[in-house]
Amino acid sequence: MVQKLKQNSRPHNVAFVLGNGTSRKNLNLNETKNWGTVYGCNALYREFEPDYLIAVDTKMVNEIIAAGYHKDHQVWTNPNKGITSKSNVNFFSPHKGWSSGPTALWMACQQPYSQIYIFGFDYQGLEGKFNNVYADTFNYKKSHDAATFFGNWLSQTEKTVKEFKNINFFRVMEPGQFVPDKLQGIPNLQHITYENFEQKFKGSTYTTKNHQKTSI
């Protein structure tokens, strides 16, 4: 995989990897670009332009292409004959065959970041229901649908964090949020709250009082 790191004036040692679990709602998306390079997944493009957009589901990739987003932004995916256009789309070679979030995390690890902050990797459903900020929208399940099996996402995240021991990973989460057993006790992975994150990256989160859900 040849990933050309974008040239910008932001810190080059920090990256943010954005999953779409609902815990990510507290993040001020626009502010992240002041602090580092941003890797996002799937329908994130509908409301925000990350530096790199990763999508491996064919339906989602085709939605991105139909919207024309790939023409002016870096979109990465796995080779798949069902993709409607190969033009201006970047293909992983070799590819991992993983889900979008862990693939985005692995992609970020190919660059010499010393710190990677992970958001929206919730794994667990919401009281057994589908957990995603884009629930009830095109190409996504309904919010009342059963939670998606997360075992593959979890194993892929675990493999990545353990492989790249020279990177310090920070999973940003709500107080008391689910921490899978597989992600506990890993020396280079910390689970921190948004309050901890805000102390370092001022202005990067919304307070509960003034945060409003983005219209999709």
N, C-alpha and C. Protein backbone atom coordinates (compact mmCIF):
# COMPACT_ATOMS: atom_id res chain seq x y z
N MET A 1 0.84 -1.20 0.00
CA MET A 1 0.00 0.00 0.00
C MET A 1 0.87 1.24 0.00
N VAL A 2 0.64 2.14 -0.94
CA VAL A 2 1.38 3.39 -0.99
C VAL A 2 0.44 4.50 -0.58
N GLN A 3 0.68 5.04 0.58
CA GLN A 3 -0.15 6.12 1.11
C GLN A 3 0.70 7.37 1.21
N LYS A 4 0.43 8.35 0.40
CA LYS A 4 1.18 9.60 0.45
C LYS A 4 0.57 10.50 1.50
N LEU A 5 1.34 10.80 2.53
CA LEU A 5 0.85 11.64 3.62
C LEU A 5 0.66 13.06 3.13
N LYS A 6 -0.49 13.62 3.39
CA LYS A 6 -0.78 14.98 2.97
C LYS A 6 0.15 15.98 3.66
N GLN A 7 0.55 16.98 2.92
CA GLN A 7 1.39 18.01 3.49
C GLN A 7 0.53 19.13 4.06
N ASN A 8 0.70 19.40 5.33
CA ASN A 8 -0.04 20.48 5.95
C ASN A 8 0.76 20.98 7.14
N SER A 9 0.26 22.02 7.77
CA SER A 9 0.98 22.65 8.88
C SER A 9 0.61 22.05 10.24
N ARG A 10 -0.21 21.01 10.23
CA ARG A 10 -0.64 20.40 11.48
C ARG A 10 0.45 19.50 12.05
N PRO A 11 0.35 19.17 13.34
CA PRO A 11 1.33 18.24 13.93
C PRO A 11 1.37 16.92 13.17
N HIS A 12 2.56 16.45 12.87
CA HIS A 12 2.70 15.24 12.07
C HIS A 12 2.81 13.98 12.92
N ASN A 13 2.80 14.13 14.23
CA ASN A 13 2.95 12.95 15.08
C ASN A 13 1.62 12.46 15.66
N VAL A 14 0.52 13.15 15.31
CA VAL A 14 -0.79 12.81 15.88
C VAL A 14 -1.78 12.49 14.77
N ALA A 15 -2.54 11.41 14.97
CA ALA A 15 -3.62 11.07 14.04
C ALA A 15 -4.89 10.77 14.84
N PHE A 16 -6.02 10.99 14.20
CA PHE A 16 -7.33 10.68 14.77
C PHE A 16 -8.02 9.69 13.84
N VAL A 17 -8.52 8.60 14.40
CA VAL A 17 -9.24 7.60 13.62
C VAL A 17 -10.68 7.59 14.12
N LEU A 18 -11.61 7.90 13.23
CA LEU A 18 -13.01 8.10 13.62
C LEU A 18 -13.89 6.96 13.16
N GLY A 19 -14.34 6.15 14.12
CA GLY A 19 -15.40 5.20 13.85
C GLY A 19 -16.73 5.92 13.98
N ASN A 20 -17.81 5.20 13.80
CA ASN A 20 -19.12 5.85 13.81
C ASN A 20 -20.04 5.37 14.92
N GLY A 21 -19.48 4.82 15.98
CA GLY A 21 -20.28 4.51 17.15
C GLY A 21 -20.80 5.80 17.76
N THR A 22 -21.91 5.72 18.48
CA THR A 22 -22.56 6.95 18.97
C THR A 22 -21.73 7.71 19.99
N SER A 23 -20.75 7.10 20.60
CA SER A 23 -19.90 7.83 21.55
C SER A 23 -19.10 8.92 20.85
N ARG A 24 -19.00 8.83 19.53
CA ARG A 24 -18.24 9.82 18.77
C ARG A 24 -18.95 11.18 18.66
N LYS A 25 -20.23 11.22 19.05
CA LYS A 25 -21.01 12.46 18.91
C LYS A 25 -20.41 13.62 19.70
N ASN A 26 -19.67 13.34 20.74
CA ASN A 26 -19.10 14.42 21.55
C ASN A 26 -17.90 15.10 20.91
N LEU A 27 -17.41 14.55 19.81
CA LEU A 27 -16.21 15.09 19.17
C LEU A 27 -16.56 16.25 18.25
N ASN A 28 -15.81 17.33 18.37
CA ASN A 28 -15.93 18.47 17.46
C ASN A 28 -15.13 18.13 16.21
N LEU A 29 -15.80 17.64 15.19
CA LEU A 29 -15.12 17.12 14.01
C LEU A 29 -14.18 18.13 13.38
N ASN A 30 -14.65 19.35 13.20
CA ASN A 30 -13.85 20.35 12.52
C ASN A 30 -12.58 20.70 13.28
N GLU A 31 -12.64 20.61 14.60
CA GLU A 31 -11.49 20.98 15.41
C GLU A 31 -10.35 19.96 15.28
N THR A 32 -10.67 18.72 14.95
CA THR A 32 -9.63 17.70 14.88
C THR A 32 -8.54 18.06 13.86
N LYS A 33 -8.92 18.74 12.81
CA LYS A 33 -7.94 19.08 11.78
C LYS A 33 -6.91 20.10 12.23
N ASN A 34 -7.15 20.74 13.37
CA ASN A 34 -6.15 21.65 13.91
C ASN A 34 -5.05 20.91 14.66
N TRP A 35 -5.31 19.65 14.99
CA TRP A 35 -4.41 18.92 15.88
C TRP A 35 -3.68 17.76 15.22
N GLY A 36 -4.15 17.30 14.08
CA GLY A 36 -3.49 16.15 13.46
C GLY A 36 -4.18 15.72 12.18
N THR A 37 -3.81 14.55 11.68
CA THR A 37 -4.36 14.00 10.45
C THR A 37 -5.55 13.12 10.80
N VAL A 38 -6.61 13.21 10.00
CA VAL A 38 -7.88 12.56 10.34
C VAL A 38 -8.23 11.45 9.34
N TYR A 39 -8.49 10.27 9.88
CA TYR A 39 -8.94 9.12 9.11
C TYR A 39 -10.38 8.82 9.51
N GLY A 40 -11.28 8.77 8.54
CA GLY A 40 -12.69 8.53 8.85
C GLY A 40 -13.25 7.39 8.03
N CYS A 41 -14.49 7.02 8.35
CA CYS A 41 -15.09 5.84 7.74
C CYS A 41 -16.48 6.11 7.17
N ASN A 42 -16.74 5.47 6.06
CA ASN A 42 -18.10 5.33 5.51
C ASN A 42 -18.85 6.66 5.38
N ALA A 43 -20.01 6.79 6.00
CA ALA A 43 -20.87 7.95 5.77
C ALA A 43 -20.39 9.23 6.45
N LEU A 44 -19.25 9.20 7.09
CA LEU A 44 -18.70 10.42 7.69
C LEU A 44 -18.62 11.54 6.67
N TYR A 45 -18.38 11.19 5.41
CA TYR A 45 -18.23 12.20 4.36
C TYR A 45 -19.47 13.08 4.21
N ARG A 46 -20.62 12.60 4.67
CA ARG A 46 -21.86 13.36 4.53
C ARG A 46 -21.84 14.66 5.34
N GLU A 47 -21.05 14.69 6.38
CA GLU A 47 -21.02 15.88 7.24
C GLU A 47 -19.62 16.45 7.49
N PHE A 48 -18.60 15.72 7.07
CA PHE A 48 -17.23 16.15 7.39
C PHE A 48 -16.28 15.55 6.37
N GLU A 49 -15.19 16.28 6.09
CA GLU A 49 -14.20 15.81 5.12
C GLU A 49 -12.91 15.44 5.84
N PRO A 50 -12.73 14.17 6.15
CA PRO A 50 -11.47 13.75 6.77
C PRO A 50 -10.34 13.80 5.74
N ASP A 51 -9.13 13.67 6.19
CA ASP A 51 -8.01 13.63 5.24
C ASP A 51 -8.07 12.36 4.40
N TYR A 52 -8.50 11.28 5.02
CA TYR A 52 -8.62 10.00 4.33
C TYR A 52 -9.95 9.36 4.72
N LEU A 53 -10.73 8.94 3.73
CA LEU A 53 -12.01 8.27 3.98
C LEU A 53 -11.86 6.81 3.57
N ILE A 54 -12.17 5.91 4.51
CA ILE A 54 -12.03 4.48 4.27
C ILE A 54 -13.41 3.84 4.30
N ALA A 55 -13.71 3.06 3.28
CA ALA A 55 -14.99 2.34 3.21
C ALA A 55 -14.73 1.03 2.48
N VAL A 56 -15.15 -0.08 3.06
CA VAL A 56 -14.93 -1.37 2.41
C VAL A 56 -16.22 -2.04 1.98
N ASP A 57 -17.34 -1.58 2.48
CA ASP A 57 -18.63 -2.12 2.05
C ASP A 57 -18.95 -1.57 0.66
N THR A 58 -19.25 -2.45 -0.27
CA THR A 58 -19.45 -2.05 -1.66
C THR A 58 -20.57 -1.03 -1.82
N LYS A 59 -21.68 -1.22 -1.12
CA LYS A 59 -22.78 -0.28 -1.23
C LYS A 59 -22.37 1.11 -0.77
N MET A 60 -21.59 1.17 0.30
CA MET A 60 -21.14 2.47 0.81
C MET A 60 -20.15 3.11 -0.15
N VAL A 61 -19.25 2.32 -0.70
CA VAL A 61 -18.28 2.86 -1.67
C VAL A 61 -19.03 3.43 -2.87
N ASN A 62 -20.02 2.73 -3.35
CA ASN A 62 -20.78 3.22 -4.50
C ASN A 62 -21.59 4.47 -4.17
N GLU A 63 -22.06 4.58 -2.94
CA GLU A 63 -22.73 5.82 -2.52
C GLU A 63 -21.75 6.99 -2.57
N ILE A 64 -20.55 6.77 -2.07
CA ILE A 64 -19.52 7.81 -2.06
C ILE A 64 -19.18 8.24 -3.49
N ILE A 65 -19.07 7.25 -4.38
CA ILE A 65 -18.78 7.55 -5.78
C ILE A 65 -19.94 8.32 -6.42
N ALA A 66 -21.17 7.89 -6.16
CA ALA A 66 -22.35 8.56 -6.73
C ALA A 66 -22.44 10.01 -6.28
N ALA A 67 -21.96 10.28 -5.06
CA ALA A 67 -21.97 11.65 -4.55
C ALA A 67 -20.84 12.49 -5.14
N GLY A 68 -19.90 11.84 -5.82
CA GLY A 68 -18.77 12.55 -6.42
C GLY A 68 -17.69 12.93 -5.42
N TYR A 69 -17.80 12.42 -4.23
CA TYR A 69 -16.83 12.80 -3.17
C TYR A 69 -15.42 12.35 -3.53
N HIS A 70 -15.30 11.23 -4.22
CA HIS A 70 -13.99 10.66 -4.54
C HIS A 70 -13.19 11.51 -5.53
N LYS A 71 -13.86 12.42 -6.21
CA LYS A 71 -13.18 13.22 -7.24
C LYS A 71 -12.19 14.22 -6.64
N ASP A 72 -12.49 14.71 -5.44
CA ASP A 72 -11.66 15.74 -4.83
C ASP A 72 -11.11 15.35 -3.46
N HIS A 73 -11.33 14.09 -3.06
CA HIS A 73 -10.88 13.64 -1.74
C HIS A 73 -10.28 12.25 -1.85
N GLN A 74 -9.45 11.92 -0.90
CA GLN A 74 -8.84 10.59 -0.89
C GLN A 74 -9.81 9.57 -0.30
N VAL A 75 -10.24 8.65 -1.14
CA VAL A 75 -11.11 7.55 -0.73
C VAL A 75 -10.35 6.24 -0.94
N TRP A 76 -10.32 5.41 0.12
CA TRP A 76 -9.60 4.14 0.07
C TRP A 76 -10.56 2.97 0.32
N THR A 77 -10.37 1.89 -0.44
CA THR A 77 -11.22 0.71 -0.29
C THR A 77 -10.46 -0.53 -0.74
N ASN A 78 -11.11 -1.69 -0.62
CA ASN A 78 -10.55 -2.94 -1.11
C ASN A 78 -11.00 -3.17 -2.54
N PRO A 79 -10.19 -3.85 -3.35
CA PRO A 79 -10.62 -4.17 -4.71
C PRO A 79 -11.90 -5.01 -4.68
N ASN A 80 -12.86 -4.65 -5.49
CA ASN A 80 -14.13 -5.37 -5.54
C ASN A 80 -14.78 -5.10 -6.89
N LYS A 81 -15.17 -6.14 -7.57
CA LYS A 81 -15.74 -5.99 -8.92
C LYS A 81 -17.09 -5.27 -8.89
N GLY A 82 -17.71 -5.16 -7.70
CA GLY A 82 -19.00 -4.50 -7.61
C GLY A 82 -18.91 -2.99 -7.54
N ILE A 83 -17.70 -2.44 -7.44
CA ILE A 83 -17.52 -0.99 -7.36
C ILE A 83 -17.75 -0.39 -8.75
N THR A 84 -18.58 0.63 -8.80
CA THR A 84 -19.05 1.15 -10.09
C THR A 84 -18.00 1.95 -10.86
N SER A 85 -16.99 2.47 -10.18
CA SER A 85 -15.96 3.25 -10.87
C SER A 85 -14.63 3.03 -10.18
N LYS A 86 -13.60 2.83 -10.99
CA LYS A 86 -12.25 2.67 -10.44
C LYS A 86 -11.46 3.97 -10.50
N SER A 87 -12.01 4.95 -11.18
CA SER A 87 -11.32 6.23 -11.37
C SER A 87 -11.32 7.04 -10.08
N ASN A 88 -10.17 7.58 -9.72
CA ASN A 88 -10.01 8.44 -8.54
C ASN A 88 -10.31 7.74 -7.23
N VAL A 89 -10.29 6.42 -7.23
CA VAL A 89 -10.46 5.65 -6.01
C VAL A 89 -9.15 4.92 -5.72
N ASN A 90 -8.72 4.94 -4.47
CA ASN A 90 -7.48 4.28 -4.07
C ASN A 90 -7.79 2.89 -3.52
N PHE A 91 -7.03 1.90 -3.97
CA PHE A 91 -7.28 0.52 -3.55
C PHE A 91 -6.11 0.00 -2.72
N PHE A 92 -6.44 -0.62 -1.60
CA PHE A 92 -5.41 -1.24 -0.78
C PHE A 92 -4.84 -2.44 -1.53
N SER A 93 -3.51 -2.52 -1.58
CA SER A 93 -2.85 -3.64 -2.24
C SER A 93 -1.52 -3.92 -1.56
N PRO A 94 -1.43 -5.01 -0.81
CA PRO A 94 -2.51 -5.98 -0.55
C PRO A 94 -3.53 -5.38 0.42
N HIS A 95 -4.69 -5.98 0.49
CA HIS A 95 -5.69 -5.49 1.42
C HIS A 95 -5.86 -6.48 2.56
N LYS A 96 -6.40 -6.00 3.67
CA LYS A 96 -6.52 -6.81 4.88
C LYS A 96 -7.79 -7.68 4.88
N GLY A 97 -8.80 -7.24 4.15
CA GLY A 97 -10.08 -7.94 4.20
C GLY A 97 -10.82 -7.67 5.50
N TRP A 98 -10.51 -6.52 6.12
CA TRP A 98 -11.08 -6.17 7.41
C TRP A 98 -12.25 -5.20 7.25
N SER A 99 -12.90 -4.92 8.37
CA SER A 99 -13.96 -3.91 8.42
C SER A 99 -13.35 -2.52 8.28
N SER A 100 -14.20 -1.53 8.01
CA SER A 100 -13.70 -0.18 7.71
C SER A 100 -12.93 0.45 8.86
N GLY A 101 -13.48 0.40 10.09
CA GLY A 101 -12.82 1.05 11.21
C GLY A 101 -11.43 0.50 11.49
N PRO A 102 -11.28 -0.81 11.69
CA PRO A 102 -9.95 -1.37 11.90
C PRO A 102 -9.01 -1.15 10.71
N THR A 103 -9.57 -1.16 9.48
CA THR A 103 -8.74 -0.88 8.31
C THR A 103 -8.20 0.54 8.36
N ALA A 104 -9.04 1.50 8.77
CA ALA A 104 -8.60 2.89 8.90
C ALA A 104 -7.51 3.00 9.96
N LEU A 105 -7.68 2.27 11.06
CA LEU A 105 -6.67 2.28 12.12
C LEU A 105 -5.35 1.71 11.61
N TRP A 106 -5.43 0.58 10.93
CA TRP A 106 -4.23 -0.03 10.36
C TRP A 106 -3.56 0.90 9.34
N MET A 107 -4.36 1.58 8.54
CA MET A 107 -3.81 2.51 7.54
C MET A 107 -3.04 3.63 8.23
N ALA A 108 -3.60 4.17 9.31
CA ALA A 108 -2.91 5.24 10.03
C ALA A 108 -1.58 4.77 10.58
N CYS A 109 -1.52 3.50 10.94
CA CYS A 109 -0.30 2.96 11.53
C CYS A 109 0.84 2.83 10.52
N GLN A 110 0.56 2.99 9.25
CA GLN A 110 1.60 2.91 8.23
C GLN A 110 2.45 4.17 8.20
N GLN A 111 2.02 5.20 8.90
CA GLN A 111 2.76 6.46 8.97
C GLN A 111 3.41 6.60 10.35
N PRO A 112 4.45 7.43 10.46
CA PRO A 112 5.21 7.51 11.72
C PRO A 112 4.55 8.38 12.79
N TYR A 113 3.28 8.13 13.08
CA TYR A 113 2.63 8.84 14.18
C TYR A 113 3.10 8.24 15.50
N SER A 114 3.25 9.07 16.49
CA SER A 114 3.58 8.56 17.82
C SER A 114 2.33 8.40 18.67
N GLN A 115 1.24 9.11 18.29
CA GLN A 115 -0.01 9.04 19.04
C GLN A 115 -1.18 8.91 18.06
N ILE A 116 -2.05 7.95 18.33
CA ILE A 116 -3.27 7.80 17.54
C ILE A 116 -4.46 7.76 18.50
N TYR A 117 -5.41 8.66 18.28
CA TYR A 117 -6.61 8.75 19.10
C TYR A 117 -7.77 8.11 18.35
N ILE A 118 -8.47 7.21 19.03
CA ILE A 118 -9.53 6.41 18.41
C ILE A 118 -10.89 6.83 18.97
N PHE A 119 -11.83 7.09 18.09
CA PHE A 119 -13.18 7.52 18.50
C PHE A 119 -14.23 6.62 17.86
N GLY A 120 -15.34 6.45 18.55
CA GLY A 120 -16.48 5.74 17.97
C GLY A 120 -16.27 4.26 17.76
N PHE A 121 -15.25 3.68 18.38
CA PHE A 121 -15.06 2.23 18.36
C PHE A 121 -15.77 1.69 19.60
N ASP A 122 -17.10 1.62 19.53
CA ASP A 122 -17.90 1.29 20.71
C ASP A 122 -18.07 -0.22 20.90
N TYR A 123 -18.01 -0.96 19.81
CA TYR A 123 -18.17 -2.41 19.82
C TYR A 123 -19.56 -2.83 20.27
N GLN A 124 -19.91 -2.57 21.49
CA GLN A 124 -21.18 -3.01 22.05
C GLN A 124 -22.35 -2.19 21.52
N GLY A 125 -23.51 -2.82 21.39
CA GLY A 125 -24.71 -2.13 20.96
C GLY A 125 -25.28 -1.25 22.05
N LEU A 126 -26.33 -0.54 21.72
CA LEU A 126 -27.03 0.31 22.68
C LEU A 126 -28.22 -0.47 23.23
N GLU A 127 -28.03 -1.04 24.41
CA GLU A 127 -29.07 -1.88 25.02
C GLU A 127 -29.53 -2.95 24.04
N GLY A 128 -28.56 -3.55 23.37
CA GLY A 128 -28.85 -4.62 22.43
C GLY A 128 -29.27 -4.17 21.05
N LYS A 129 -29.32 -2.85 20.81
CA LYS A 129 -29.75 -2.31 19.52
C LYS A 129 -28.57 -1.75 18.74
N PHE A 130 -28.80 -1.51 17.47
CA PHE A 130 -27.77 -1.02 16.55
C PHE A 130 -27.16 0.29 17.04
N ASN A 131 -25.85 0.34 17.10
CA ASN A 131 -25.12 1.49 17.63
C ASN A 131 -24.34 2.15 16.51
N ASN A 132 -24.87 3.22 15.95
CA ASN A 132 -24.18 3.94 14.89
C ASN A 132 -24.82 5.32 14.74
N VAL A 133 -23.99 6.35 14.55
CA VAL A 133 -24.53 7.71 14.44
C VAL A 133 -25.37 7.88 13.18
N TYR A 134 -25.22 6.98 12.20
CA TYR A 134 -25.98 7.09 10.96
C TYR A 134 -27.13 6.09 10.88
N ALA A 135 -27.51 5.52 12.00
CA ALA A 135 -28.66 4.61 12.03
C ALA A 135 -29.89 5.31 11.45
N ASP A 136 -30.73 4.59 10.77
CA ASP A 136 -31.96 5.10 10.16
C ASP A 136 -31.72 5.96 8.93
N THR A 137 -30.50 5.89 8.37
CA THR A 137 -30.23 6.61 7.12
C THR A 137 -29.86 5.60 6.04
N PHE A 138 -29.77 6.09 4.81
CA PHE A 138 -29.49 5.25 3.65
C PHE A 138 -28.23 4.40 3.86
N ASN A 139 -28.34 3.12 3.51
CA ASN A 139 -27.25 2.14 3.62
C ASN A 139 -26.91 1.73 5.05
N TYR A 140 -27.75 2.09 6.01
CA TYR A 140 -27.53 1.69 7.40
C TYR A 140 -28.77 1.01 7.96
N LYS A 141 -28.54 0.20 8.98
CA LYS A 141 -29.64 -0.47 9.68
C LYS A 141 -30.47 0.53 10.47
N LYS A 142 -31.61 0.09 10.92
CA LYS A 142 -32.49 0.92 11.74
C LYS A 142 -32.01 0.92 13.19
N SER A 143 -32.31 1.99 13.89
CA SER A 143 -31.87 2.10 15.28
C SER A 143 -32.51 1.04 16.18
N HIS A 144 -33.64 0.48 15.75
CA HIS A 144 -34.29 -0.55 16.55
C HIS A 144 -33.83 -1.96 16.16
N ASP A 145 -32.96 -2.07 15.16
CA ASP A 145 -32.44 -3.37 14.76
C ASP A 145 -31.47 -3.91 15.81
N ALA A 146 -31.26 -5.19 15.79
CA ALA A 146 -30.35 -5.82 16.75
C ALA A 146 -28.92 -5.33 16.54
N ALA A 147 -28.17 -5.29 17.62
CA ALA A 147 -26.78 -4.85 17.55
C ALA A 147 -25.98 -5.74 16.60
N THR A 148 -25.03 -5.14 15.90
CA THR A 148 -24.18 -5.87 14.97
C THR A 148 -23.11 -6.65 15.73
N PHE A 149 -22.81 -7.85 15.28
CA PHE A 149 -21.74 -8.64 15.88
C PHE A 149 -20.42 -7.89 15.72
N PHE A 150 -19.68 -7.75 16.82
CA PHE A 150 -18.47 -6.93 16.78
C PHE A 150 -17.18 -7.73 16.97
N GLY A 151 -17.28 -9.05 17.03
CA GLY A 151 -16.09 -9.86 17.31
C GLY A 151 -14.97 -9.66 16.31
N ASN A 152 -15.31 -9.52 15.02
CA ASN A 152 -14.26 -9.31 14.02
C ASN A 152 -13.61 -7.94 14.18
N TRP A 153 -14.42 -6.89 14.43
CA TRP A 153 -13.85 -5.56 14.62
C TRP A 153 -12.88 -5.56 15.80
N LEU A 154 -13.30 -6.22 16.85
CA LEU A 154 -12.50 -6.25 18.08
C LEU A 154 -11.17 -6.97 17.85
N SER A 155 -11.22 -8.12 17.22
CA SER A 155 -9.99 -8.88 16.97
C SER A 155 -9.05 -8.10 16.06
N GLN A 156 -9.60 -7.42 15.07
CA GLN A 156 -8.78 -6.65 14.15
C GLN A 156 -8.12 -5.45 14.84
N THR A 157 -8.86 -4.81 15.73
CA THR A 157 -8.29 -3.71 16.51
C THR A 157 -7.18 -4.23 17.41
N GLU A 158 -7.44 -5.31 18.10
CA GLU A 158 -6.45 -5.89 18.99
C GLU A 158 -5.15 -6.22 18.24
N LYS A 159 -5.27 -6.85 17.08
CA LYS A 159 -4.09 -7.21 16.29
C LYS A 159 -3.28 -5.98 15.92
N THR A 160 -3.97 -4.93 15.52
CA THR A 160 -3.28 -3.71 15.09
C THR A 160 -2.53 -3.06 16.23
N VAL A 161 -3.19 -2.89 17.35
CA VAL A 161 -2.57 -2.23 18.51
C VAL A 161 -1.36 -3.02 18.99
N LYS A 162 -1.47 -4.34 19.01
CA LYS A 162 -0.36 -5.17 19.48
C LYS A 162 0.79 -5.22 18.48
N GLU A 163 0.47 -5.09 17.20
CA GLU A 163 1.53 -5.12 16.18
C GLU A 163 2.39 -3.86 16.22
N PHE A 164 1.73 -2.71 16.40
CA PHE A 164 2.46 -1.43 16.34
C PHE A 164 2.76 -0.94 17.76
N LYS A 165 3.72 -1.60 18.38
CA LYS A 165 4.05 -1.33 19.78
C LYS A 165 4.71 0.03 19.98
N ASN A 166 5.22 0.60 18.90
CA ASN A 166 5.90 1.90 19.01
C ASN A 166 4.92 3.07 18.99
N ILE A 167 3.63 2.81 18.78
CA ILE A 167 2.61 3.86 18.74
C ILE A 167 1.80 3.81 20.03
N ASN A 168 1.53 4.97 20.59
CA ASN A 168 0.66 5.06 21.76
C ASN A 168 -0.77 5.32 21.28
N PHE A 169 -1.67 4.39 21.61
CA PHE A 169 -3.07 4.49 21.20
C PHE A 169 -3.92 4.95 22.38
N PHE A 170 -4.89 5.83 22.07
CA PHE A 170 -5.80 6.33 23.09
C PHE A 170 -7.22 6.15 22.57
N ARG A 171 -7.99 5.29 23.21
CA ARG A 171 -9.40 5.12 22.84
C ARG A 171 -10.22 6.07 23.70
N VAL A 172 -10.85 7.06 23.07
CA VAL A 172 -11.59 8.09 23.79
C VAL A 172 -13.03 7.62 23.92
N MET A 173 -13.57 7.70 25.15
CA MET A 173 -14.87 7.09 25.42
C MET A 173 -15.60 7.84 26.52
N GLU A 174 -16.83 7.47 26.70
CA GLU A 174 -17.65 8.02 27.77
C GLU A 174 -17.27 7.35 29.09
N PRO A 175 -17.44 8.04 30.22
CA PRO A 175 -17.18 7.40 31.51
C PRO A 175 -18.03 6.15 31.68
N GLY A 176 -17.40 5.06 32.06
CA GLY A 176 -18.12 3.82 32.28
C GLY A 176 -18.45 3.05 31.02
N GLN A 177 -17.97 3.52 29.88
CA GLN A 177 -18.28 2.84 28.61
C GLN A 177 -17.61 1.47 28.56
N PHE A 178 -18.18 0.59 27.78
CA PHE A 178 -17.71 -0.79 27.64
C PHE A 178 -16.26 -0.86 27.17
N VAL A 179 -15.44 -1.60 27.92
CA VAL A 179 -14.06 -1.87 27.53
C VAL A 179 -13.92 -3.38 27.37
N PRO A 180 -13.78 -3.87 26.15
CA PRO A 180 -13.67 -5.32 25.94
C PRO A 180 -12.45 -5.91 26.64
N ASP A 181 -12.58 -7.13 27.10
CA ASP A 181 -11.47 -7.80 27.77
C ASP A 181 -10.22 -7.84 26.89
N LYS A 182 -10.40 -8.04 25.59
CA LYS A 182 -9.26 -8.15 24.68
C LYS A 182 -8.45 -6.85 24.59
N LEU A 183 -9.07 -5.73 24.96
CA LEU A 183 -8.38 -4.44 24.87
C LEU A 183 -7.93 -3.93 26.23
N GLN A 184 -7.93 -4.79 27.21
CA GLN A 184 -7.45 -4.41 28.53
C GLN A 184 -6.04 -4.96 28.75
N GLY A 185 -5.23 -4.18 29.46
CA GLY A 185 -3.89 -4.64 29.79
C GLY A 185 -2.88 -4.58 28.67
N ILE A 186 -3.19 -3.86 27.58
CA ILE A 186 -2.24 -3.70 26.48
C ILE A 186 -1.39 -2.46 26.78
N PRO A 187 -0.07 -2.60 26.90
CA PRO A 187 0.78 -1.49 27.38
C PRO A 187 0.67 -0.19 26.59
N ASN A 188 0.48 -0.28 25.27
CA ASN A 188 0.47 0.93 24.45
C ASN A 188 -0.94 1.41 24.11
N LEU A 189 -1.94 0.92 24.84
CA LEU A 189 -3.33 1.35 24.64
C LEU A 189 -3.93 1.84 25.95
N GLN A 190 -4.44 3.08 25.93
CA GLN A 190 -5.13 3.63 27.08
C GLN A 190 -6.58 3.93 26.70
N HIS A 191 -7.48 3.76 27.65
CA HIS A 191 -8.88 4.12 27.47
C HIS A 191 -9.11 5.39 28.30
N ILE A 192 -9.38 6.50 27.62
CA ILE A 192 -9.49 7.79 28.31
C ILE A 192 -10.87 8.39 28.06
N THR A 193 -11.28 9.28 28.93
CA THR A 193 -12.57 9.95 28.78
C THR A 193 -12.42 11.20 27.91
N TYR A 194 -13.55 11.73 27.48
CA TYR A 194 -13.53 12.98 26.72
C TYR A 194 -12.96 14.12 27.57
N GLU A 195 -13.18 14.06 28.85
CA GLU A 195 -12.62 15.09 29.74
C GLU A 195 -11.10 15.05 29.70
N ASN A 196 -10.52 13.84 29.73
CA ASN A 196 -9.07 13.71 29.60
C ASN A 196 -8.59 14.24 28.26
N PHE A 197 -9.32 13.91 27.22
CA PHE A 197 -8.95 14.33 25.87
C PHE A 197 -9.00 15.85 25.74
N GLU A 198 -10.04 16.46 26.29
CA GLU A 198 -10.22 17.91 26.21
C GLU A 198 -9.10 18.66 26.92
N GLN A 199 -8.54 18.08 27.95
CA GLN A 199 -7.45 18.72 28.69
C GLN A 199 -6.23 18.92 27.80
N LYS A 200 -6.05 18.03 26.84
CA LYS A 200 -4.90 18.14 25.94
C LYS A 200 -5.24 18.88 24.65
N PHE A 201 -6.43 18.66 24.13
CA PHE A 201 -6.84 19.25 22.86
C PHE A 201 -8.02 20.19 23.12
N LYS A 202 -7.72 21.36 23.55
CA LYS A 202 -8.75 22.33 23.95
C LYS A 202 -9.70 22.65 22.79
N GLY A 203 -10.98 22.63 23.08
CA GLY A 203 -11.99 22.98 22.07
C GLY A 203 -12.36 21.83 21.15
N SER A 204 -11.84 20.64 21.43
CA SER A 204 -12.07 19.52 20.53
C SER A 204 -13.31 18.71 20.86
N THR A 205 -14.01 19.07 21.92
CA THR A 205 -15.24 18.37 22.25
C THR A 205 -16.36 19.37 22.48
N TYR A 206 -17.58 18.90 22.36
CA TYR A 206 -18.75 19.70 22.69
C TYR A 206 -19.14 19.40 24.13
N THR A 207 -19.65 20.36 24.82
CA THR A 207 -20.22 20.07 26.13
C THR A 207 -21.60 19.48 25.92
N THR A 208 -22.09 18.77 26.89
CA THR A 208 -23.42 18.18 26.79
C THR A 208 -24.47 19.27 26.58
N LYS A 209 -24.23 20.43 27.17
CA LYS A 209 -25.20 21.51 27.12
C LYS A 209 -25.37 22.09 25.73
N ASN A 210 -24.23 22.30 24.99
CA ASN A 210 -24.37 22.99 23.72
C ASN A 210 -24.27 22.08 22.51
N HIS A 211 -24.10 20.78 22.75
CA HIS A 211 -23.97 19.87 21.59
C HIS A 211 -25.35 19.56 21.02
N GLN A 212 -25.45 19.66 19.71
CA GLN A 212 -26.67 19.29 19.01
C GLN A 212 -26.32 18.28 17.93
N LYS A 213 -27.18 17.31 17.76
CA LYS A 213 -26.93 16.28 16.76
C LYS A 213 -26.94 16.87 15.36
N THR A 214 -25.94 16.51 14.58
CA THR A 214 -25.85 16.99 13.21
C THR A 214 -26.95 16.37 12.36
N SER A 215 -27.55 17.16 11.52
CA SER A 215 -28.58 16.64 10.62
C SER A 215 -27.90 15.85 9.49
N ILE A 216 -28.42 14.72 9.17
CA ILE A 216 -27.83 13.88 8.13
C ILE A 216 -28.76 13.87 6.91
